[in-house]
Amino acid sequence: MNEASDVPTKRQERTVVLVSLAVIAPVLAVGVVGGYGFLVWIYQLFAGPPGS
């Protein structure tokens, strides 16, 4: 088995990073915004809407 064939090239590494960012960044953004909205919703469920 050739050890050199197991080492990824710079182009392969760049492709993996860009694809990962294109998938992970939007999922993370939706998760953070959704999580914050959920926390605000739960807080208002117990504390009431703002200004009351």
Protein backbone atom coordinates (compact mmCIF):
# COMPACT_ATOMS: atom_id res chain seq x y z
CA MET A 1 0.00 0.00 0.00
CA ASN A 2 1.33 3.40 -0.95
CA GLU A 3 1.40 5.97 1.89
CA ALA A 4 1.44 8.93 -0.51
CA SER A 5 -1.97 8.04 -1.94
CA ASP A 6 -3.57 8.35 1.53
CA VAL A 7 -2.48 11.98 1.98
CA PRO A 8 -5.10 14.47 0.71
CA THR A 9 -3.98 17.18 -1.66
CA LYS A 10 -4.41 20.91 -0.99
CA ARG A 11 -7.24 21.02 -3.53
CA GLN A 12 -9.08 18.19 -1.81
CA GLU A 13 -8.64 19.85 1.58
CA ARG A 14 -9.92 23.18 0.24
CA THR A 15 -12.95 21.46 -1.32
CA VAL A 16 -13.79 19.68 1.92
CA VAL A 17 -13.51 22.91 3.93
CA LEU A 18 -15.66 24.90 1.50
CA VAL A 19 -18.37 22.23 1.30
CA SER A 20 -18.34 21.84 5.08
CA LEU A 21 -18.73 25.59 5.55
CA ALA A 22 -21.52 25.71 2.99
CA VAL A 23 -23.41 23.08 5.03
CA ILE A 24 -22.33 23.74 8.61
CA ALA A 25 -22.57 27.57 8.64
CA PRO A 26 -26.25 27.77 7.58
CA VAL A 27 -27.25 24.92 9.89
CA LEU A 28 -25.44 26.56 12.79
CA ALA A 29 -27.02 29.96 12.03
CA VAL A 30 -30.53 28.48 11.89
CA GLY A 31 -29.86 26.58 15.11
CA VAL A 32 -28.65 29.66 16.99
CA VAL A 33 -31.52 31.88 15.82
CA GLY A 34 -34.07 29.13 16.40
CA GLY A 35 -32.67 28.37 19.83
CA TYR A 36 -32.79 32.02 20.84
CA GLY A 37 -36.38 32.31 19.60
CA PHE A 38 -37.31 29.20 21.56
CA LEU A 39 -35.76 30.62 24.74
CA VAL A 40 -37.63 33.91 24.31
CA TRP A 41 -40.88 32.00 23.68
CA ILE A 42 -40.44 29.89 26.82
CA TYR A 43 -39.51 32.97 28.87
CA GLN A 44 -42.62 34.82 27.69
CA LEU A 45 -44.73 31.76 28.41
CA PHE A 46 -43.90 32.15 32.11
CA ALA A 47 -43.20 35.88 32.44
CA GLY A 48 -45.82 37.22 30.06
CA PRO A 49 -45.33 39.43 27.02
CA PRO A 50 -43.15 42.54 27.24
CA GLY A 51 -44.81 45.59 28.75
CA SER A 52 -47.37 43.73 30.83
